[in-house]
Amino acid sequence: PVLDDAAGRMPAEAPARSRVLLGITEAHRQLGQARE
């Protein structure tokens, strides 16, 4: 949620926003691989 909120507060054209969105994507990729 902190990553999502940070991305939502940044201007759409901000270079840093794309880095945060990539981080969010990677986090969801790792969570999607969660298995026993």
Full PDB file with SEQRES, HELIX, SHEET, SSBOND, CRYST1, ORIGX, SCALE, CONECT and MASTER records, all heavy atoms in Angstrom:
SEQRES   1 A   36  PRO VAL LEU ASP ASP ALA ALA GLY ARG MET PRO ALA GLU          
SEQRES   2 A   36  ALA PRO ALA ARG SER ARG VAL LEU LEU GLY ILE THR GLU          
SEQRES   3 A   36  ALA HIS ARG GLN LEU GLY GLN ALA ARG GLU                      
HELIX    1 AA1 VAL A    2  ARG A    9  1                                   8    
HELIX    2 AA2 PRO A   15  GLY A   32  1                                  18    
CRYST1    1.000    1.000    1.000  90.00  90.00  90.00 P 1           1          
ORIGX1      1.000000  0.000000  0.000000        0.00000                         
ORIGX2      0.000000  1.000000  0.000000        0.00000                         
ORIGX3      0.000000  0.000000  1.000000        0.00000                         
SCALE1      1.000000  0.000000  0.000000        0.00000                         
SCALE2      0.000000  1.000000  0.000000        0.00000                         
SCALE3      0.000000  0.000000  1.000000        0.00000                         
ATOM      1  N   PRO A   1       0.804  -1.222   0.000  1.00  0.00           N  
ATOM      2  CA  PRO A   1       0.000   0.000   0.000  1.00  0.00           C  
ATOM      3  C   PRO A   1       0.839   1.276   0.000  1.00  0.00           C  
ATOM      4  O   PRO A   1       0.426   2.292  -0.561  1.00  0.00           O  
ATOM      5  CB  PRO A   1      -0.818  -0.115   1.299  1.00  0.00           C  
ATOM      6  CG  PRO A   1      -0.878  -1.573   1.586  1.00  0.00           C  
ATOM      7  CD  PRO A   1       0.428  -2.112   1.119  1.00  0.00           C  
ATOM      8  N   VAL A   2       2.012   1.227   0.635  1.00  0.00           N  
ATOM      9  CA  VAL A   2       2.884   2.404   0.653  1.00  0.00           C  
ATOM     10  C   VAL A   2       3.400   2.687  -0.751  1.00  0.00           C  
ATOM     11  O   VAL A   2       3.453   3.839  -1.201  1.00  0.00           O  
ATOM     12  CB  VAL A   2       4.048   2.198   1.634  1.00  0.00           C  
ATOM     13  CG1 VAL A   2       4.861   3.481   1.764  1.00  0.00           C  
ATOM     14  CG2 VAL A   2       3.532   1.766   2.993  1.00  0.00           C  
ATOM     15  N   LEU A   3       3.781   1.640  -1.473  1.00  0.00           N  
ATOM     16  CA  LEU A   3       4.237   1.804  -2.850  1.00  0.00           C  
ATOM     17  C   LEU A   3       3.129   2.351  -3.732  1.00  0.00           C  
ATOM     18  O   LEU A   3       3.327   3.264  -4.537  1.00  0.00           O  
ATOM     19  CB  LEU A   3       4.728   0.464  -3.409  1.00  0.00           C  
ATOM     20  CG  LEU A   3       6.026  -0.095  -2.824  1.00  0.00           C  
ATOM     21  CD1 LEU A   3       6.167  -1.564  -3.179  1.00  0.00           C  
ATOM     22  CD2 LEU A   3       7.217   0.696  -3.350  1.00  0.00           C  
ATOM     23  N   ASP A   4       1.930   1.766  -3.588  1.00  0.00           N  
ATOM     24  CA  ASP A   4       0.785   2.238  -4.377  1.00  0.00           C  
ATOM     25  C   ASP A   4       0.487   3.703  -4.102  1.00  0.00           C  
ATOM     26  O   ASP A   4       0.217   4.492  -5.017  1.00  0.00           O  
ATOM     27  CB  ASP A   4      -0.452   1.402  -4.056  1.00  0.00           C  
ATOM     28  CG  ASP A   4      -0.524   0.127  -4.879  1.00  0.00           C  
ATOM     29  OD1 ASP A   4      -0.037   0.137  -6.020  1.00  0.00           O  
ATOM     30  OD2 ASP A   4      -1.060  -0.865  -4.386  1.00  0.00           O  
ATOM     31  N   ASP A   5       0.523   4.069  -2.817  1.00  0.00           N  
ATOM     32  CA  ASP A   5       0.210   5.446  -2.447  1.00  0.00           C  
ATOM     33  C   ASP A   5       1.269   6.395  -2.979  1.00  0.00           C  
ATOM     34  O   ASP A   5       0.958   7.497  -3.444  1.00  0.00           O  
ATOM     35  CB  ASP A   5       0.102   5.561  -0.921  1.00  0.00           C  
ATOM     36  CG  ASP A   5      -0.683   6.778  -0.497  1.00  0.00           C  
ATOM     37  OD1 ASP A   5      -1.917   6.777  -0.675  1.00  0.00           O  
ATOM     38  OD2 ASP A   5      -0.061   7.735   0.003  1.00  0.00           O  
ATOM     39  N   ALA A   6       2.540   5.967  -2.926  1.00  0.00           N  
ATOM     40  CA  ALA A   6       3.628   6.805  -3.436  1.00  0.00           C  
ATOM     41  C   ALA A   6       3.465   7.039  -4.933  1.00  0.00           C  
ATOM     42  O   ALA A   6       3.619   8.173  -5.420  1.00  0.00           O  
ATOM     43  CB  ALA A   6       4.963   6.137  -3.143  1.00  0.00           C  
ATOM     44  N   ALA A   7       3.119   5.977  -5.676  1.00  0.00           N  
ATOM     45  CA  ALA A   7       2.929   6.125  -7.116  1.00  0.00           C  
ATOM     46  C   ALA A   7       1.758   7.048  -7.424  1.00  0.00           C  
ATOM     47  O   ALA A   7       1.813   7.871  -8.354  1.00  0.00           O  
ATOM     48  CB  ALA A   7       2.698   4.763  -7.756  1.00  0.00           C  
ATOM     49  N   GLY A   8       0.690   6.943  -6.630  1.00  0.00           N  
ATOM     50  CA  GLY A   8      -0.482   7.771  -6.859  1.00  0.00           C  
ATOM     51  C   GLY A   8      -0.236   9.248  -6.598  1.00  0.00           C  
ATOM     52  O   GLY A   8      -0.928  10.110  -7.159  1.00  0.00           O  
ATOM     53  N   ARG A   9       0.750   9.575  -5.758  1.00  0.00           N  
ATOM     54  CA  ARG A   9       1.027  10.966  -5.426  1.00  0.00           C  
ATOM     55  C   ARG A   9       1.998  11.626  -6.397  1.00  0.00           C  
ATOM     56  O   ARG A   9       2.191  12.839  -6.352  1.00  0.00           O  
ATOM     57  CB  ARG A   9       1.600  11.055  -4.006  1.00  0.00           C  
ATOM     58  CG  ARG A   9       0.583  10.754  -2.907  1.00  0.00           C  
ATOM     59  CD  ARG A   9       1.265  10.540  -1.569  1.00  0.00           C  
ATOM     60  NE  ARG A   9       0.277  10.283  -0.513  1.00  0.00           N  
ATOM     61  CZ  ARG A   9      -0.115  11.193   0.373  1.00  0.00           C  
ATOM     62  NH1 ARG A   9       0.382  12.414   0.325  1.00  0.00           N  
ATOM     63  NH2 ARG A   9      -1.009  10.888   1.290  1.00  0.00           N  
ATOM     64  N   MET A  10       2.650  10.814  -7.227  1.00  0.00           N  
ATOM     65  CA  MET A  10       3.642  11.359  -8.149  1.00  0.00           C  
ATOM     66  C   MET A  10       2.992  11.783  -9.461  1.00  0.00           C  
ATOM     67  O   MET A  10       2.033  11.156  -9.925  1.00  0.00           O  
ATOM     68  CB  MET A  10       4.723  10.306  -8.446  1.00  0.00           C  
ATOM     69  CG  MET A  10       5.585   9.941  -7.266  1.00  0.00           C  
ATOM     70  SD  MET A  10       6.783   8.656  -7.697  1.00  0.00           S  
ATOM     71  CE  MET A  10       7.661   8.497  -6.136  1.00  0.00           C  
ATOM     72  N   PRO A  11       3.507  12.842 -10.099  1.00  0.00           N  
ATOM     73  CA  PRO A  11       3.010  13.234 -11.426  1.00  0.00           C  
ATOM     74  C   PRO A  11       3.206  12.089 -12.413  1.00  0.00           C  
ATOM     75  O   PRO A  11       4.180  11.343 -12.329  1.00  0.00           O  
ATOM     76  CB  PRO A  11       3.897  14.435 -11.791  1.00  0.00           C  
ATOM     77  CG  PRO A  11       4.401  14.962 -10.479  1.00  0.00           C  
ATOM     78  CD  PRO A  11       4.547  13.771  -9.599  1.00  0.00           C  
ATOM     79  N   ALA A  12       2.266  11.946 -13.326  1.00  0.00           N  
ATOM     80  CA  ALA A  12       2.313  10.827 -14.271  1.00  0.00           C  
ATOM     81  C   ALA A  12       3.597  10.801 -15.072  1.00  0.00           C  
ATOM     82  O   ALA A  12       4.080   9.737 -15.456  1.00  0.00           O  
ATOM     83  CB  ALA A  12       1.100  10.891 -15.205  1.00  0.00           C  
ATOM     84  N   GLU A  13       4.174  11.990 -15.341  1.00  0.00           N  
ATOM     85  CA  GLU A  13       5.369  12.064 -16.180  1.00  0.00           C  
ATOM     86  C   GLU A  13       6.667  11.940 -15.371  1.00  0.00           C  
ATOM     87  O   GLU A  13       7.762  11.935 -15.939  1.00  0.00           O  
ATOM     88  CB  GLU A  13       5.384  13.383 -16.961  1.00  0.00           C  
ATOM     89  CG  GLU A  13       5.535  14.640 -16.110  1.00  0.00           C  
ATOM     90  CD  GLU A  13       4.222  15.102 -15.494  1.00  0.00           C  
ATOM     91  OE1 GLU A  13       3.220  14.377 -15.650  1.00  0.00           O  
ATOM     92  OE2 GLU A  13       4.221  16.175 -14.873  1.00  0.00           O  
ATOM     93  N   ALA A  14       6.569  11.823 -14.063  1.00  0.00           N  
ATOM     94  CA  ALA A  14       7.765  11.770 -13.219  1.00  0.00           C  
ATOM     95  C   ALA A  14       8.547  10.481 -13.478  1.00  0.00           C  
ATOM     96  O   ALA A  14       7.972   9.389 -13.425  1.00  0.00           O  
ATOM     97  CB  ALA A  14       7.385  11.860 -11.748  1.00  0.00           C  
ATOM     98  N   PRO A  15       9.874  10.589 -13.773  1.00  0.00           N  
ATOM     99  CA  PRO A  15      10.674   9.378 -14.008  1.00  0.00           C  
ATOM    100  C   PRO A  15      10.649   8.418 -12.812  1.00  0.00           C  
ATOM    101  O   PRO A  15      10.655   7.199 -12.993  1.00  0.00           O  
ATOM    102  CB  PRO A  15      12.081   9.933 -14.250  1.00  0.00           C  
ATOM    103  CG  PRO A  15      11.862  11.348 -14.707  1.00  0.00           C  
ATOM    104  CD  PRO A  15      10.657  11.816 -13.959  1.00  0.00           C  
ATOM    105  N   ALA A  16      10.616   8.979 -11.626  1.00  0.00           N  
ATOM    106  CA  ALA A  16      10.640   8.126 -10.435  1.00  0.00           C  
ATOM    107  C   ALA A  16       9.383   7.271 -10.339  1.00  0.00           C  
ATOM    108  O   ALA A  16       9.419   6.174  -9.773  1.00  0.00           O  
ATOM    109  CB  ALA A  16      10.792   8.985  -9.186  1.00  0.00           C  
ATOM    110  N   ARG A  17       8.278   7.765 -10.890  1.00  0.00           N  
ATOM    111  CA  ARG A  17       7.019   7.016 -10.792  1.00  0.00           C  
ATOM    112  C   ARG A  17       7.122   5.675 -11.514  1.00  0.00           C  
ATOM    113  O   ARG A  17       6.590   4.667 -11.043  1.00  0.00           O  
ATOM    114  CB  ARG A  17       5.871   7.835 -11.357  1.00  0.00           C  
ATOM    115  CG  ARG A  17       4.495   7.184 -11.165  1.00  0.00           C  
ATOM    116  CD  ARG A  17       3.375   8.133 -11.573  1.00  0.00           C  
ATOM    117  NE  ARG A  17       2.083   7.569 -11.267  1.00  0.00           N  
ATOM    118  CZ  ARG A  17       1.381   6.788 -12.095  1.00  0.00           C  
ATOM    119  NH1 ARG A  17       1.877   6.500 -13.304  1.00  0.00           N  
ATOM    120  NH2 ARG A  17       0.207   6.303 -11.739  1.00  0.00           N  
ATOM    121  N   SER A  18       7.807   5.672 -12.664  1.00  0.00           N  
ATOM    122  CA  SER A  18       7.944   4.415 -13.403  1.00  0.00           C  
ATOM    123  C   SER A  18       8.752   3.402 -12.607  1.00  0.00           C  
ATOM    124  O   SER A  18       8.485   2.194 -12.660  1.00  0.00           O  
ATOM    125  CB  SER A  18       8.614   4.672 -14.761  1.00  0.00           C  
ATOM    126  OG  SER A  18       9.927   5.189 -14.581  1.00  0.00           O  
ATOM    127  N   ARG A  19       9.715   3.878 -11.817  1.00  0.00           N  
ATOM    128  CA  ARG A  19      10.505   2.967 -10.985  1.00  0.00           C  
ATOM    129  C   ARG A  19       9.633   2.364  -9.875  1.00  0.00           C  
ATOM    130  O   ARG A  19       9.743   1.176  -9.564  1.00  0.00           O  
ATOM    131  CB  ARG A  19      11.696   3.710 -10.388  1.00  0.00           C  
ATOM    132  CG  ARG A  19      12.704   4.206 -11.406  1.00  0.00           C  
ATOM    133  CD  ARG A  19      13.835   4.950 -10.729  1.00  0.00           C  
ATOM    134  NE  ARG A  19      14.555   4.092  -9.802  1.00  0.00           N  
ATOM    135  CZ  ARG A  19      15.455   4.550  -8.932  1.00  0.00           C  
ATOM    136  NH1 ARG A  19      15.704   5.869  -8.867  1.00  0.00           N  
ATOM    137  NH2 ARG A  19      16.073   3.716  -8.124  1.00  0.00           N  
ATOM    138  N   VAL A  20       8.770   3.186  -9.304  1.00  0.00           N  
ATOM    139  CA  VAL A  20       7.882   2.669  -8.255  1.00  0.00           C  
ATOM    140  C   VAL A  20       6.909   1.653  -8.847  1.00  0.00           C  
ATOM    141  O   VAL A  20       6.647   0.603  -8.251  1.00  0.00           O  
ATOM    142  CB  VAL A  20       7.118   3.823  -7.575  1.00  0.00           C  
ATOM    143  CG1 VAL A  20       6.100   3.269  -6.584  1.00  0.00           C  
ATOM    144  CG2 VAL A  20       8.089   4.753  -6.846  1.00  0.00           C  
ATOM    145  N   LEU A  21       6.382   1.957 -10.043  1.00  0.00           N  
ATOM    146  CA  LEU A  21       5.445   1.026 -10.676  1.00  0.00           C  
ATOM    147  C   LEU A  21       6.128  -0.297 -11.012  1.00  0.00           C  
ATOM    148  O   LEU A  21       5.523  -1.374 -10.894  1.00  0.00           O  
ATOM    149  CB  LEU A  21       4.857   1.651 -11.941  1.00  0.00           C  
ATOM    150  CG  LEU A  21       3.904   2.831 -11.706  1.00  0.00           C  
ATOM    151  CD1 LEU A  21       3.464   3.441 -13.038  1.00  0.00           C  
ATOM    152  CD2 LEU A  21       2.679   2.377 -10.902  1.00  0.00           C  
ATOM    153  N   LEU A  22       7.399  -0.238 -11.417  1.00  0.00           N  
ATOM    154  CA  LEU A  22       8.145  -1.469 -11.667  1.00  0.00           C  
ATOM    155  C   LEU A  22       8.321  -2.259 -10.374  1.00  0.00           C  
ATOM    156  O   LEU A  22       8.242  -3.490 -10.358  1.00  0.00           O  
ATOM    157  CB  LEU A  22       9.513  -1.138 -12.275  1.00  0.00           C  
ATOM    158  CG  LEU A  22       9.522  -0.736 -13.755  1.00  0.00           C  
ATOM    159  CD1 LEU A  22      10.915  -0.289 -14.175  1.00  0.00           C  
ATOM    160  CD2 LEU A  22       9.066  -1.912 -14.626  1.00  0.00           C  
ATOM    161  N   GLY A  23       8.551  -1.526  -9.283  1.00  0.00           N  
ATOM    162  CA  GLY A  23       8.673  -2.184  -7.989  1.00  0.00           C  
ATOM    163  C   GLY A  23       7.386  -2.873  -7.586  1.00  0.00           C  
ATOM    164  O   GLY A  23       7.386  -3.994  -7.053  1.00  0.00           O  
ATOM    165  N   ILE A  24       6.250  -2.221  -7.847  1.00  0.00           N  
ATOM    166  CA  ILE A  24       4.946  -2.809  -7.535  1.00  0.00           C  
ATOM    167  C   ILE A  24       4.728  -4.075  -8.368  1.00  0.00           C  
ATOM    168  O   ILE A  24       4.270  -5.098  -7.868  1.00  0.00           O  
ATOM    169  CB  ILE A  24       3.823  -1.788  -7.802  1.00  0.00           C  
ATOM    170  CG1 ILE A  24       3.912  -0.630  -6.795  1.00  0.00           C  
ATOM    171  CG2 ILE A  24       2.457  -2.445  -7.726  1.00  0.00           C  
ATOM    172  CD1 ILE A  24       2.989   0.523  -7.104  1.00  0.00           C  
ATOM    173  N   THR A  25       5.089  -3.996  -9.640  1.00  0.00           N  
ATOM    174  CA  THR A  25       4.943  -5.157 -10.520  1.00  0.00           C  
ATOM    175  C   THR A  25       5.786  -6.331 -10.027  1.00  0.00           C  
ATOM    176  O   THR A  25       5.321  -7.477  -9.995  1.00  0.00           O  
ATOM    177  CB  THR A  25       5.360  -4.788 -11.961  1.00  0.00           C  
ATOM    178  OG1 THR A  25       4.512  -3.729 -12.439  1.00  0.00           O  
ATOM    179  CG2 THR A  25       5.226  -5.988 -12.887  1.00  0.00           C  
ATOM    180  N   GLU A  26       7.020  -6.042  -9.618  1.00  0.00           N  
ATOM    181  CA  GLU A  26       7.889  -7.108  -9.132  1.00  0.00           C  
ATOM    182  C   GLU A  26       7.364  -7.703  -7.834  1.00  0.00           C  
ATOM    183  O   GLU A  26       7.415  -8.922  -7.619  1.00  0.00           O  
ATOM    184  CB  GLU A  26       9.308  -6.570  -8.925  1.00  0.00           C  
ATOM    185  CG  GLU A  26      10.281  -7.554  -8.294  1.00  0.00           C  
ATOM    186  CD  GLU A  26      10.492  -8.813  -9.118  1.00  0.00           C  
ATOM    187  OE1 GLU A  26      10.122  -8.836 -10.315  1.00  0.00           O  
ATOM    188  OE2 GLU A  26      11.015  -9.800  -8.559  1.00  0.00           O  
ATOM    189  N   ALA A  27       6.830  -6.861  -6.964  1.00  0.00           N  
ATOM    190  CA  ALA A  27       6.277  -7.356  -5.700  1.00  0.00           C  
ATOM    191  C   ALA A  27       5.118  -8.310  -5.964  1.00  0.00           C  
ATOM    192  O   ALA A  27       5.021  -9.380  -5.353  1.00  0.00           O  
ATOM    193  CB  ALA A  27       5.816  -6.183  -4.833  1.00  0.00           C  
ATOM    194  N   HIS A  28       4.237  -7.931  -6.895  1.00  0.00           N  
ATOM    195  CA  HIS A  28       3.111  -8.806  -7.207  1.00  0.00           C  
ATOM    196  C   HIS A  28       3.568 -10.080  -7.903  1.00  0.00           C  
ATOM    197  O   HIS A  28       2.960 -11.142  -7.725  1.00  0.00           O  
ATOM    198  CB  HIS A  28       2.094  -8.051  -8.070  1.00  0.00           C  
ATOM    199  CG  HIS A  28       1.183  -7.180  -7.271  1.00  0.00           C  
ATOM    200  ND1 HIS A  28       0.138  -7.676  -6.522  1.00  0.00           N  
ATOM    201  CD2 HIS A  28       1.176  -5.837  -7.067  1.00  0.00           C  
ATOM    202  CE1 HIS A  28      -0.483  -6.687  -5.917  1.00  0.00           C  
ATOM    203  NE2 HIS A  28       0.135  -5.562  -6.223  1.00  0.00           N  
ATOM    204  N   ARG A  29       4.642  -9.988  -8.691  1.00  0.00           N  
ATOM    205  CA  ARG A  29       5.162 -11.193  -9.332  1.00  0.00           C  
ATOM    206  C   ARG A  29       5.657 -12.185  -8.277  1.00  0.00           C  
ATOM    207  O   ARG A  29       5.377 -13.390  -8.360  1.00  0.00           O  
ATOM    208  CB  ARG A  29       6.308 -10.833 -10.278  1.00  0.00           C  
ATOM    209  CG  ARG A  29       6.784 -12.000 -11.140  1.00  0.00           C  
ATOM    210  CD  ARG A  29       7.928 -11.576 -12.042  1.00  0.00           C  
ATOM    211  NE  ARG A  29       9.156 -11.438 -11.272  1.00  0.00           N  
ATOM    212  CZ  ARG A  29       9.966 -12.463 -10.974  1.00  0.00           C  
ATOM    213  NH1 ARG A  29       9.650 -13.688 -11.358  1.00  0.00           N  
ATOM    214  NH2 ARG A  29      11.064 -12.270 -10.289  1.00  0.00           N  
ATOM    215  N   GLN A  30       6.377 -11.679  -7.286  1.00  0.00           N  
ATOM    216  CA  GLN A  30       6.873 -12.553  -6.227  1.00  0.00           C  
ATOM    217  C   GLN A  30       5.729 -13.137  -5.407  1.00  0.00           C  
ATOM    218  O   GLN A  30       5.733 -14.318  -5.053  1.00  0.00           O  
ATOM    219  CB  GLN A  30       7.838 -11.782  -5.312  1.00  0.00           C  
ATOM    220  CG  GLN A  30       9.162 -11.421  -5.956  1.00  0.00           C  
ATOM    221  CD  GLN A  30      10.024 -12.626  -6.271  1.00  0.00           C  
ATOM    222  OE1 GLN A  30       9.833 -13.717  -5.731  1.00  0.00           O  
ATOM    223  NE2 GLN A  30      10.973 -12.451  -7.173  1.00  0.00           N  
ATOM    224  N   LEU A  31       4.726 -12.317  -5.102  1.00  0.00           N  
ATOM    225  CA  LEU A  31       3.581 -12.817  -4.339  1.00  0.00           C  
ATOM    226  C   LEU A  31       2.804 -13.849  -5.144  1.00  0.00           C  
ATOM    227  O   LEU A  31       2.265 -14.805  -4.593  1.00  0.00           O  
ATOM    228  CB  LEU A  31       2.664 -11.653  -3.948  1.00  0.00           C  
ATOM    229  CG  LEU A  31       3.209 -10.701  -2.881  1.00  0.00           C  
ATOM    230  CD1 LEU A  31       2.300  -9.485  -2.744  1.00  0.00           C  
ATOM    231  CD2 LEU A  31       3.336 -11.411  -1.535  1.00  0.00           C  
ATOM    232  N   GLY A  32       2.730 -13.651  -6.449  1.00  0.00           N  
ATOM    233  CA  GLY A  32       2.020 -14.597  -7.300  1.00  0.00           C  
ATOM    234  C   GLY A  32       2.706 -15.945  -7.384  1.00  0.00           C  
ATOM    235  O   GLY A  32       2.072 -16.955  -7.712  1.00  0.00           O  
ATOM    236  N   GLN A  33       4.001 -15.978  -7.091  1.00  0.00           N  
ATOM    237  CA  GLN A  33       4.742 -17.235  -7.124  1.00  0.00           C  
ATOM    238  C   GLN A  33       4.691 -17.962  -5.788  1.00  0.00           C  
ATOM    239  O   GLN A  33       5.249 -19.044  -5.653  1.00  0.00           O  
ATOM    240  CB  GLN A  33       6.211 -16.970  -7.485  1.00  0.00           C  
ATOM    241  CG  GLN A  33       6.402 -16.483  -8.906  1.00  0.00           C  
ATOM    242  CD  GLN A  33       7.860 -16.211  -9.230  1.00  0.00           C  
ATOM    243  OE1 GLN A  33       8.714 -16.205  -8.347  1.00  0.00           O  
ATOM    244  NE2 GLN A  33       8.141 -15.970 -10.502  1.00  0.00           N  
ATOM    245  N   ALA A  34       4.035 -17.341  -4.779  1.00  0.00           N  
ATOM    246  CA  ALA A  34       3.997 -17.936  -3.442  1.00  0.00           C  
ATOM    247  C   ALA A  34       3.346 -19.311  -3.493  1.00  0.00           C  
ATOM    248  O   ALA A  34       2.250 -19.473  -4.016  1.00  0.00           O  
ATOM    249  CB  ALA A  34       3.242 -17.026  -2.477  1.00  0.00           C  
ATOM    250  N   ARG A  35       4.043 -20.275  -2.971  1.00  0.00           N  
ATOM    251  CA  ARG A  35       3.526 -21.640  -2.952  1.00  0.00           C  
ATOM    252  C   ARG A  35       4.280 -22.419  -1.874  1.00  0.00           C  
ATOM    253  O   ARG A  35       5.351 -22.023  -1.432  1.00  0.00           O  
ATOM    254  CB  ARG A  35       3.727 -22.321  -4.304  1.00  0.00           C  
ATOM    255  CG  ARG A  35       5.206 -22.435  -4.698  1.00  0.00           C  
ATOM    256  CD  ARG A  35       5.353 -22.900  -6.130  1.00  0.00           C  
ATOM    257  NE  ARG A  35       6.743 -23.050  -6.505  1.00  0.00           N  
ATOM    258  CZ  ARG A  35       7.514 -22.062  -6.906  1.00  0.00           C  
ATOM    259  NH1 ARG A  35       7.030 -20.836  -6.973  1.00  0.00           N  
ATOM    260  NH2 ARG A  35       8.776 -22.263  -7.242  1.00  0.00           N  
ATOM    261  N   GLU A  36       3.713 -23.534  -1.478  1.00  0.00           N  
ATOM    262  CA  GLU A  36       4.367 -24.390  -0.497  1.00  0.00           C  
ATOM    263  C   GLU A  36       5.174 -25.461  -1.218  1.00  0.00           C  
ATOM    264  O   GLU A  36       4.659 -26.178  -2.063  1.00  0.00           O  
ATOM    265  CB  GLU A  36       3.341 -25.026   0.439  1.00  0.00           C  
ATOM    266  CG  GLU A  36       2.709 -24.039   1.391  1.00  0.00           C  
ATOM    267  CD  GLU A  36       1.939 -24.728   2.505  1.00  0.00           C  
ATOM    268  OE1 GLU A  36       1.977 -25.979   2.556  1.00  0.00           O  
ATOM    269  OE2 GLU A  36       1.321 -24.019   3.306  1.00  0.00           O  
TER     270      GLU A  36                                                      
MASTER        0    0    0    2    0    0    0    6  269    1    0    3          
END                                                                             
